[in-house]
Amino acid sequence: MTPLVSVKGLQVDYLTGKGLFTAVKGVDFAIGQGEVMGLAGESGCGKSTIAFSLMRLHRPPAIISKGSIIVDGEDVLAMPPARLEKWRWSTVSMVFQSAMNSLNPVLTLFEQFRDMLARHTAMTKPEIRVRAEELLRLVGIPAARLDDYPHQLSGGMRQRVVLAMALALNPKLIIMDEPTTALDVVVQREILQEIMVLKERFGFSILFITHDLALMSQFADRIAVMLEGRIVEIAPTADVVTNPAHDYTRRLWDAMPRLGAA
C-alpha cells in the first residue's frame, strides 16, 4: 500500500552568522494510512524541525535544502503558495507544543474558529458556530464555552481546543508536537486516549513527537529515534521497547524514571 507520507533525504539548514548549521541530515521515513508514527529524541535533535518541514512552515534563516516530501501523492516542496495555503489544515494539520501560545488571548474561541473556517471554507457565520460547537463537543468541552477566552480554560481544556481546531477540516495527517507538555499525567493520559478514539473514528494518521519514549510506546505503531539530526533507529514499537537496535535508544530507555527505583 502506498504510504500517506513519504520523506526521502530531507535536509534542513539554518543560516547563521558562522555559516550553515544542518539541523536535519538526510532523513528518510514513511507514515502509513491510519498509522501512529512516533518520533522520539532529546531536545534539539531536530524533531520539531521535521514537523515544520512537513507543512512548509519554516521561514528564513531555515532552508529545506535537499530531499523530497510527498503527502497523499502531492509534492509538498513544489506546491505554489496558493495551493499550500489551501492544503494546510485540510490535508495536514498540527497541534503545537503550547496551547496557550497557539490560541490568541484576546479572541474568544468562537472568533478563532471563525477565522480559521472562514479562511478555508465557504461556511456562513451561523454554520461556523454549529461546526465549532460540534468540534468542541467532540473533544469533551461543552458548547457553551465557545464564547469564552483562552484564559478562562484550564490547560487541558486549551489543549483540547487546539486539537478540535486541528480536526476541523478532517485532515488525513495530524502532527502532534509534544501535545501534552506541561500537563499533569492524569490529564495527559486522558487527552491521548481521546486522540486515539478520534483516530479510530475518523481514520487520520498521526506523527507523534515527544522526548518521552515511555509515553510514546503506549500509543505509537512504530517509533523513529532521532540523534543529532539523524534517524538512528526506526522499527515497530514492540521491537524498540524490547530489543532496541541502537545504543542511543537503549540509553534513552535507561534514562526513564522507574517506580521503586532507589
C-alpha atoms as a PDB file:
ATOM      1  CA  MET A   1       0.000   0.000   0.000  1.00  0.00           C
ATOM      2  CA  THR A   2       1.254   3.491  -0.880  1.00  0.00           C
ATOM      3  CA  PRO A   3       2.134   5.396   2.303  1.00  0.00           C
ATOM      4  CA  LEU A   4       0.314   8.603   3.152  1.00  0.00           C
ATOM      5  CA  VAL A   5       3.632  10.358   3.816  1.00  0.00           C
ATOM      6  CA  SER A   6       6.984   9.655   2.182  1.00  0.00           C
ATOM      7  CA  VAL A   7      10.051  11.658   3.215  1.00  0.00           C
ATOM      8  CA  LYS A   8      13.371  10.979   1.489  1.00  0.00           C
ATOM      9  CA  GLY A   9      16.765  12.587   2.004  1.00  0.00           C
ATOM     10  CA  LEU A  10      15.341  15.558   3.937  1.00  0.00           C
ATOM     11  CA  GLN A  11      17.960  18.113   4.897  1.00  0.00           C
ATOM     12  CA  VAL A  12      17.175  21.357   6.719  1.00  0.00           C
ATOM     13  CA  ASP A  13      19.823  24.036   7.236  1.00  0.00           C
ATOM     14  CA  TYR A  14      19.852  27.211   9.315  1.00  0.00           C
ATOM     15  CA  LEU A  15      21.835  30.190   8.064  1.00  0.00           C
ATOM     16  CA  THR A  16      23.840  31.613  10.964  1.00  0.00           C
ATOM     17  CA  GLY A  17      26.494  34.260  11.310  1.00  0.00           C
ATOM     18  CA  LYS A  18      29.067  31.474  11.182  1.00  0.00           C
ATOM     19  CA  GLY A  19      27.634  29.759   8.109  1.00  0.00           C
ATOM     20  CA  LEU A  20      25.133  26.915   7.663  1.00  0.00           C
ATOM     21  CA  PHE A  21      24.080  24.734  10.555  1.00  0.00           C
ATOM     22  CA  THR A  22      22.481  21.460   9.413  1.00  0.00           C
ATOM     23  CA  ALA A  23      19.636  20.571  11.799  1.00  0.00           C
ATOM     24  CA  VAL A  24      18.183  17.618   9.853  1.00  0.00           C
ATOM     25  CA  LYS A  25      20.647  15.419   7.992  1.00  0.00           C
ATOM     26  CA  GLY A  26      19.263  13.267   5.191  1.00  0.00           C
ATOM     27  CA  VAL A  27      16.219  11.849   6.973  1.00  0.00           C
ATOM     28  CA  ASP A  28      14.045   9.095   5.405  1.00  0.00           C
ATOM     29  CA  PHE A  29      10.731   7.807   6.763  1.00  0.00           C
ATOM     30  CA  ALA A  30       7.160   6.993   5.750  1.00  0.00           C
ATOM     31  CA  ILE A  31       3.802   7.094   7.537  1.00  0.00           C
ATOM     32  CA  GLY A  32       1.053   4.692   6.551  1.00  0.00           C
ATOM     33  CA  GLN A  33      -2.663   5.306   6.243  1.00  0.00           C
ATOM     34  CA  GLY A  34      -4.152   5.397   9.755  1.00  0.00           C
ATOM     35  CA  GLU A  35      -0.749   4.808  11.390  1.00  0.00           C
ATOM     36  CA  VAL A  36       0.578   6.439  14.552  1.00  0.00           C
ATOM     37  CA  MET A  37       4.254   7.150  13.943  1.00  0.00           C
ATOM     38  CA  GLY A  38       6.318   8.203  16.940  1.00  0.00           C
ATOM     39  CA  LEU A  39       9.340  10.480  16.624  1.00  0.00           C
ATOM     40  CA  ALA A  40      11.481  10.498  19.755  1.00  0.00           C
ATOM     41  CA  GLY A  41      14.724  12.097  20.810  1.00  0.00           C
ATOM     42  CA  GLU A  42      16.269  14.651  23.120  1.00  0.00           C
ATOM     43  CA  SER A  43      15.577  18.390  22.872  1.00  0.00           C
ATOM     44  CA  GLY A  44      17.382  19.984  19.942  1.00  0.00           C
ATOM     45  CA  CYS A  45      17.774  16.803  17.885  1.00  0.00           C
ATOM     46  CA  GLY A  46      15.571  18.070  15.014  1.00  0.00           C
ATOM     47  CA  LYS A  47      12.107  16.647  15.794  1.00  0.00           C
ATOM     48  CA  SER A  48      10.198  19.932  15.534  1.00  0.00           C
ATOM     49  CA  THR A  49      12.262  20.944  12.512  1.00  0.00           C
ATOM     50  CA  ILE A  50      10.929  17.856  10.718  1.00  0.00           C
ATOM     51  CA  ALA A  51       7.373  18.679  11.810  1.00  0.00           C
ATOM     52  CA  PHE A  52       7.621  22.210  10.423  1.00  0.00           C
ATOM     53  CA  SER A  53       9.140  20.860   7.215  1.00  0.00           C
ATOM     54  CA  LEU A  54       6.140  18.591   6.571  1.00  0.00           C
ATOM     55  CA  MET A  55       3.874  21.664   6.490  1.00  0.00           C
ATOM     56  CA  ARG A  56       6.469  24.023   4.998  1.00  0.00           C
ATOM     57  CA  LEU A  57       6.175  26.355   7.942  1.00  0.00           C
ATOM     58  CA  HIS A  58       9.876  27.232   8.017  1.00  0.00           C
ATOM     59  CA  ARG A  59      10.942  30.782   7.356  1.00  0.00           C
ATOM     60  CA  PRO A  60      14.456  32.134   6.870  1.00  0.00           C
ATOM     61  CA  PRO A  61      17.025  31.536   8.256  1.00  0.00           C
ATOM     62  CA  ALA A  62      15.709  27.945   7.941  1.00  0.00           C
ATOM     63  CA  ILE A  63      16.094  26.357   4.495  1.00  0.00           C
ATOM     64  CA  ILE A  64      14.921  22.970   3.221  1.00  0.00           C
ATOM     65  CA  SER A  65      17.993  22.404   1.093  1.00  0.00           C
ATOM     66  CA  LYS A  66      17.612  18.780  -0.026  1.00  0.00           C
ATOM     67  CA  GLY A  67      15.160  15.909  -0.228  1.00  0.00           C
ATOM     68  CA  SER A  68      11.511  15.308  -1.040  1.00  0.00           C
ATOM     69  CA  ILE A  69       8.241  15.311   0.924  1.00  0.00           C
ATOM     70  CA  ILE A  70       5.251  13.565  -0.658  1.00  0.00           C
ATOM     71  CA  VAL A  71       1.934  13.669   1.205  1.00  0.00           C
ATOM     72  CA  ASP A  72      -1.139  11.943  -0.208  1.00  0.00           C
ATOM     73  CA  GLY A  73       0.505  11.872  -3.632  1.00  0.00           C
ATOM     74  CA  GLU A  74       1.401  15.589  -3.719  1.00  0.00           C
ATOM     75  CA  ASP A  75       4.904  17.058  -3.758  1.00  0.00           C
ATOM     76  CA  VAL A  76       4.824  19.439  -0.787  1.00  0.00           C
ATOM     77  CA  LEU A  77       8.070  21.213  -1.678  1.00  0.00           C
ATOM     78  CA  ALA A  78       6.787  22.005  -5.190  1.00  0.00           C
ATOM     79  CA  MET A  79       3.434  23.475  -4.116  1.00  0.00           C
ATOM     80  CA  PRO A  80       2.795  27.104  -5.116  1.00  0.00           C
ATOM     81  CA  PRO A  81       1.751  29.415  -2.261  1.00  0.00           C
ATOM     82  CA  ALA A  82      -1.978  29.428  -3.144  1.00  0.00           C
ATOM     83  CA  ARG A  83      -2.175  25.627  -3.155  1.00  0.00           C
ATOM     84  CA  LEU A  84      -0.081  25.379   0.001  1.00  0.00           C
ATOM     85  CA  GLU A  85      -2.450  27.690   1.880  1.00  0.00           C
ATOM     86  CA  LYS A  86      -5.475  25.540   0.983  1.00  0.00           C
ATOM     87  CA  TRP A  87      -3.576  22.308   1.631  1.00  0.00           C
ATOM     88  CA  ARG A  88      -2.535  23.210   5.164  1.00  0.00           C
ATOM     89  CA  TRP A  89      -5.139  22.177   7.734  1.00  0.00           C
ATOM     90  CA  SER A  90      -7.300  20.436   5.115  1.00  0.00           C
ATOM     91  CA  THR A  91      -4.763  17.649   4.405  1.00  0.00           C
ATOM     92  CA  VAL A  92      -2.229  18.097   7.222  1.00  0.00           C
ATOM     93  CA  SER A  93      -2.823  19.942  10.491  1.00  0.00           C
ATOM     94  CA  MET A  94      -0.712  20.432  13.587  1.00  0.00           C
ATOM     95  CA  VAL A  95      -1.097  20.555  17.360  1.00  0.00           C
ATOM     96  CA  PHE A  96       1.741  22.741  18.607  1.00  0.00           C
ATOM     97  CA  GLN A  97       3.668  22.388  21.857  1.00  0.00           C
ATOM     98  CA  SER A  98       1.992  25.136  23.882  1.00  0.00           C
ATOM     99  CA  ALA A  99      -1.764  25.520  23.560  1.00  0.00           C
ATOM    100  CA  MET A 100      -1.783  28.913  25.279  1.00  0.00           C
ATOM    101  CA  ASN A 101       0.739  30.224  22.732  1.00  0.00           C
ATOM    102  CA  SER A 102      -1.297  28.733  19.870  1.00  0.00           C
ATOM    103  CA  LEU A 103      -4.510  30.482  20.926  1.00  0.00           C
ATOM    104  CA  ASN A 104      -4.977  34.248  20.647  1.00  0.00           C
ATOM    105  CA  PRO A 105      -5.578  35.531  24.207  1.00  0.00           C
ATOM    106  CA  VAL A 106      -7.747  38.488  23.088  1.00  0.00           C
ATOM    107  CA  LEU A 107     -10.161  36.495  20.906  1.00  0.00           C
ATOM    108  CA  THR A 108     -12.941  34.170  22.046  1.00  0.00           C
ATOM    109  CA  LEU A 109     -12.843  30.556  20.990  1.00  0.00           C
ATOM    110  CA  PHE A 110     -15.631  31.227  18.500  1.00  0.00           C
ATOM    111  CA  GLU A 111     -13.710  34.083  16.883  1.00  0.00           C
ATOM    112  CA  GLN A 112     -10.692  31.804  16.441  1.00  0.00           C
ATOM    113  CA  PHE A 113     -12.771  29.000  14.927  1.00  0.00           C
ATOM    114  CA  ARG A 114     -14.447  31.582  12.689  1.00  0.00           C
ATOM    115  CA  ASP A 115     -11.164  32.993  11.409  1.00  0.00           C
ATOM    116  CA  MET A 116      -9.873  29.523  10.514  1.00  0.00           C
ATOM    117  CA  LEU A 117     -13.059  28.116   8.981  1.00  0.00           C
ATOM    118  CA  ALA A 118     -13.870  31.286   7.038  1.00  0.00           C
ATOM    119  CA  ARG A 119     -10.373  31.173   5.556  1.00  0.00           C
ATOM    120  CA  HIS A 120     -10.703  27.612   4.333  1.00  0.00           C
ATOM    121  CA  THR A 121     -14.418  27.119   3.649  1.00  0.00           C
ATOM    122  CA  ALA A 122     -17.480  28.936   2.307  1.00  0.00           C
ATOM    123  CA  MET A 123     -19.408  28.465   5.573  1.00  0.00           C
ATOM    124  CA  THR A 124     -21.656  31.240   6.816  1.00  0.00           C
ATOM    125  CA  LYS A 125     -21.254  32.606  10.348  1.00  0.00           C
ATOM    126  CA  PRO A 126     -24.178  30.502  11.720  1.00  0.00           C
ATOM    127  CA  GLU A 127     -22.762  27.395  10.027  1.00  0.00           C
ATOM    128  CA  ILE A 128     -19.360  28.101  11.550  1.00  0.00           C
ATOM    129  CA  ARG A 129     -20.903  28.325  15.030  1.00  0.00           C
ATOM    130  CA  VAL A 130     -22.655  24.990  14.555  1.00  0.00           C
ATOM    131  CA  ARG A 131     -19.425  23.375  13.341  1.00  0.00           C
ATOM    132  CA  ALA A 132     -17.380  24.898  16.184  1.00  0.00           C
ATOM    133  CA  GLU A 133     -19.873  23.659  18.793  1.00  0.00           C
ATOM    134  CA  GLU A 134     -19.736  20.203  17.224  1.00  0.00           C
ATOM    135  CA  LEU A 135     -15.936  20.191  17.354  1.00  0.00           C
ATOM    136  CA  LEU A 136     -15.853  21.260  20.999  1.00  0.00           C
ATOM    137  CA  ARG A 137     -18.262  18.507  21.985  1.00  0.00           C
ATOM    138  CA  LEU A 138     -16.106  16.063  20.030  1.00  0.00           C
ATOM    139  CA  VAL A 139     -13.172  16.730  22.371  1.00  0.00           C
ATOM    140  CA  GLY A 140     -15.281  16.797  25.541  1.00  0.00           C
ATOM    141  CA  ILE A 141     -15.844  20.540  26.009  1.00  0.00           C
ATOM    142  CA  PRO A 142     -19.390  21.932  26.478  1.00  0.00           C
ATOM    143  CA  ALA A 143     -20.527  24.008  23.501  1.00  0.00           C
ATOM    144  CA  ALA A 144     -21.430  26.804  25.939  1.00  0.00           C
ATOM    145  CA  ARG A 145     -17.691  27.531  26.368  1.00  0.00           C
ATOM    146  CA  LEU A 146     -17.443  28.695  22.751  1.00  0.00           C
ATOM    147  CA  ASP A 147     -17.669  32.364  23.757  1.00  0.00           C
ATOM    148  CA  ASP A 148     -15.007  32.051  26.461  1.00  0.00           C
ATOM    149  CA  TYR A 149     -11.480  33.410  26.187  1.00  0.00           C
ATOM    150  CA  PRO A 150      -8.481  31.049  26.418  1.00  0.00           C
ATOM    151  CA  HIS A 151      -7.522  32.264  29.912  1.00  0.00           C
ATOM    152  CA  GLN A 152     -10.905  31.063  31.198  1.00  0.00           C
ATOM    153  CA  LEU A 153      -9.996  27.454  30.404  1.00  0.00           C
ATOM    154  CA  SER A 154      -7.679  25.007  32.139  1.00  0.00           C
ATOM    155  CA  GLY A 155      -4.502  23.833  30.431  1.00  0.00           C
ATOM    156  CA  GLY A 156      -6.123  20.537  29.483  1.00  0.00           C
ATOM    157  CA  MET A 157      -9.165  22.287  28.029  1.00  0.00           C
ATOM    158  CA  ARG A 158      -6.988  24.620  25.970  1.00  0.00           C
ATOM    159  CA  GLN A 159      -5.121  21.624  24.592  1.00  0.00           C
ATOM    160  CA  ARG A 160      -8.453  20.039  23.654  1.00  0.00           C
ATOM    161  CA  VAL A 161      -9.481  23.249  21.859  1.00  0.00           C
ATOM    162  CA  VAL A 162      -6.284  23.179  19.797  1.00  0.00           C
ATOM    163  CA  LEU A 163      -6.993  19.540  18.961  1.00  0.00           C
ATOM    164  CA  ALA A 164     -10.553  20.459  17.911  1.00  0.00           C
ATOM    165  CA  MET A 165      -9.148  23.109  15.571  1.00  0.00           C
ATOM    166  CA  ALA A 166      -6.730  20.581  14.103  1.00  0.00           C
ATOM    167  CA  LEU A 167      -9.687  18.275  13.367  1.00  0.00           C
ATOM    168  CA  ALA A 168     -11.883  20.995  11.869  1.00  0.00           C
ATOM    169  CA  LEU A 169     -11.206  20.258   8.183  1.00  0.00           C
ATOM    170  CA  ASN A 170     -10.949  16.462   8.505  1.00  0.00           C
ATOM    171  CA  PRO A 171      -7.214  16.221   7.702  1.00  0.00           C
ATOM    172  CA  LYS A 172      -5.523  12.986   6.717  1.00  0.00           C
ATOM    173  CA  LEU A 173      -2.488  13.624   8.943  1.00  0.00           C
ATOM    174  CA  ILE A 174      -2.236  15.377  12.291  1.00  0.00           C
ATOM    175  CA  ILE A 175       1.217  16.334  13.550  1.00  0.00           C
ATOM    176  CA  MET A 176       1.345  16.437  17.343  1.00  0.00           C
ATOM    177  CA  ASP A 177       4.472  18.183  18.594  1.00  0.00           C
ATOM    178  CA  GLU A 178       4.764  17.482  22.337  1.00  0.00           C
ATOM    179  CA  PRO A 179       0.956  17.730  22.599  1.00  0.00           C
ATOM    180  CA  THR A 180       0.767  17.156  26.350  1.00  0.00           C
ATOM    181  CA  THR A 181       3.737  19.205  27.558  1.00  0.00           C
ATOM    182  CA  ALA A 182       3.163  20.864  30.974  1.00  0.00           C
ATOM    183  CA  LEU A 183       0.016  18.830  31.669  1.00  0.00           C
ATOM    184  CA  ASP A 184      -0.203  16.545  34.679  1.00  0.00           C
ATOM    185  CA  VAL A 185      -0.022  12.824  33.984  1.00  0.00           C
ATOM    186  CA  VAL A 186      -3.741  12.186  34.515  1.00  0.00           C
ATOM    187  CA  VAL A 187      -4.850  14.878  32.042  1.00  0.00           C
ATOM    188  CA  GLN A 188      -2.065  13.814  29.687  1.00  0.00           C
ATOM    189  CA  ARG A 189      -3.364  10.256  29.548  1.00  0.00           C
ATOM    190  CA  GLU A 190      -6.995  11.377  29.160  1.00  0.00           C
ATOM    191  CA  ILE A 191      -6.155  13.582  26.175  1.00  0.00           C
ATOM    192  CA  LEU A 192      -4.056  10.926  24.463  1.00  0.00           C
ATOM    193  CA  GLN A 193      -6.791   8.335  24.943  1.00  0.00           C
ATOM    194  CA  GLU A 194      -9.307  10.772  23.419  1.00  0.00           C
ATOM    195  CA  ILE A 195      -6.955  11.315  20.472  1.00  0.00           C
ATOM    196  CA  MET A 196      -6.782   7.568  19.836  1.00  0.00           C
ATOM    197  CA  VAL A 197     -10.573   7.245  19.964  1.00  0.00           C
ATOM    198  CA  LEU A 198     -10.873  10.081  17.439  1.00  0.00           C
ATOM    199  CA  LYS A 199      -8.231   8.466  15.214  1.00  0.00           C
ATOM    200  CA  GLU A 200     -10.219   5.228  15.108  1.00  0.00           C
ATOM    201  CA  ARG A 201     -13.388   7.157  14.342  1.00  0.00           C
ATOM    202  CA  PHE A 202     -12.022   9.382  11.565  1.00  0.00           C
ATOM    203  CA  GLY A 203      -9.095   7.325  10.252  1.00  0.00           C
ATOM    204  CA  PHE A 204      -6.396  10.010  10.199  1.00  0.00           C
ATOM    205  CA  SER A 205      -2.689   9.277  10.640  1.00  0.00           C
ATOM    206  CA  ILE A 206      -0.582  10.814  13.408  1.00  0.00           C
ATOM    207  CA  LEU A 207       3.023  11.918  13.676  1.00  0.00           C
ATOM    208  CA  PHE A 208       3.503  11.974  17.461  1.00  0.00           C
ATOM    209  CA  ILE A 209       6.612  13.875  18.574  1.00  0.00           C
ATOM    210  CA  THR A 210       7.983  13.695  22.103  1.00  0.00           C
ATOM    211  CA  HIS A 211      11.137  13.052  24.101  1.00  0.00           C
ATOM    212  CA  ASP A 212       9.156  10.662  26.334  1.00  0.00           C
ATOM    213  CA  LEU A 213       9.713   7.159  24.956  1.00  0.00           C
ATOM    214  CA  ALA A 214       7.641   5.530  27.699  1.00  0.00           C
ATOM    215  CA  LEU A 215       4.603   7.657  26.858  1.00  0.00           C
ATOM    216  CA  MET A 216       5.052   7.189  23.125  1.00  0.00           C
ATOM    217  CA  SER A 217       5.350   3.414  23.426  1.00  0.00           C
ATOM    218  CA  GLN A 218       1.762   3.231  24.709  1.00  0.00           C
ATOM    219  CA  PHE A 219       0.252   4.814  21.597  1.00  0.00           C
ATOM    220  CA  ALA A 220       2.579   4.539  18.572  1.00  0.00           C
ATOM    221  CA  ASP A 221       2.549   1.727  15.995  1.00  0.00           C
ATOM    222  CA  ARG A 222       6.164   2.443  15.046  1.00  0.00           C
ATOM    223  CA  ILE A 223       8.850   4.602  16.608  1.00  0.00           C
ATOM    224  CA  ALA A 224      11.686   6.523  14.963  1.00  0.00           C
ATOM    225  CA  VAL A 225      14.518   7.660  17.240  1.00  0.00           C
ATOM    226  CA  MET A 226      16.493  10.801  16.382  1.00  0.00           C
ATOM    227  CA  LEU A 227      20.002  11.750  17.404  1.00  0.00           C
ATOM    228  CA  GLU A 228      21.754  14.930  16.273  1.00  0.00           C
ATOM    229  CA  GLY A 229      19.615  15.434  13.185  1.00  0.00           C
ATOM    230  CA  ARG A 230      19.534  11.814  12.023  1.00  0.00           C
ATOM    231  CA  ILE A 231      17.099   8.943  12.487  1.00  0.00           C
ATOM    232  CA  VAL A 232      19.250   6.245  14.063  1.00  0.00           C
ATOM    233  CA  GLU A 233      16.519   3.628  14.521  1.00  0.00           C
ATOM    234  CA  ILE A 234      13.026   3.038  13.174  1.00  0.00           C
ATOM    235  CA  ALA A 235      11.022  -0.078  13.994  1.00  0.00           C
ATOM    236  CA  PRO A 236       7.687  -1.374  15.300  1.00  0.00           C
ATOM    237  CA  THR A 237       7.087  -0.185  18.850  1.00  0.00           C
ATOM    238  CA  ALA A 238       7.374  -3.664  20.367  1.00  0.00           C
ATOM    239  CA  ASP A 239      10.875  -4.039  18.889  1.00  0.00           C
ATOM    240  CA  VAL A 240      12.032  -0.625  20.112  1.00  0.00           C
ATOM    241  CA  VAL A 241      10.723  -1.434  23.607  1.00  0.00           C
ATOM    242  CA  THR A 242      12.010  -4.993  23.989  1.00  0.00           C
ATOM    243  CA  ASN A 243      15.056  -5.083  21.728  1.00  0.00           C
ATOM    244  CA  PRO A 244      16.332  -1.623  20.758  1.00  0.00           C
ATOM    245  CA  ALA A 245      18.894  -1.841  17.984  1.00  0.00           C
ATOM    246  CA  HIS A 246      20.830   1.366  18.653  1.00  0.00           C
ATOM    247  CA  ASP A 247      22.846   2.160  21.756  1.00  0.00           C
ATOM    248  CA  TYR A 248      21.292   5.639  21.978  1.00  0.00           C
ATOM    249  CA  THR A 249      17.802   4.114  22.123  1.00  0.00           C
ATOM    250  CA  ARG A 250      18.927   1.844  24.963  1.00  0.00           C
ATOM    251  CA  ARG A 251      20.323   4.850  26.806  1.00  0.00           C
ATOM    252  CA  LEU A 252      17.031   6.716  26.351  1.00  0.00           C
ATOM    253  CA  TRP A 253      15.220   3.802  27.986  1.00  0.00           C
ATOM    254  CA  ASP A 254      17.776   3.729  30.801  1.00  0.00           C
ATOM    255  CA  ALA A 255      17.116   7.436  31.421  1.00  0.00           C
ATOM    256  CA  MET A 256      13.402   6.814  32.024  1.00  0.00           C
ATOM    257  CA  PRO A 257      12.441   7.017  35.743  1.00  0.00           C
ATOM    258  CA  ARG A 258      11.068   3.798  37.199  1.00  0.00           C
ATOM    259  CA  LEU A 259       8.734   3.287  40.131  1.00  0.00           C
ATOM    260  CA  GLY A 260      10.537   1.720  43.034  1.00  0.00           C
ATOM    261  CA  ALA A 261      13.982   2.775  41.842  1.00  0.00           C
ATOM    262  CA  ALA A 262      16.368   3.762  44.595  1.00  0.00           C
END
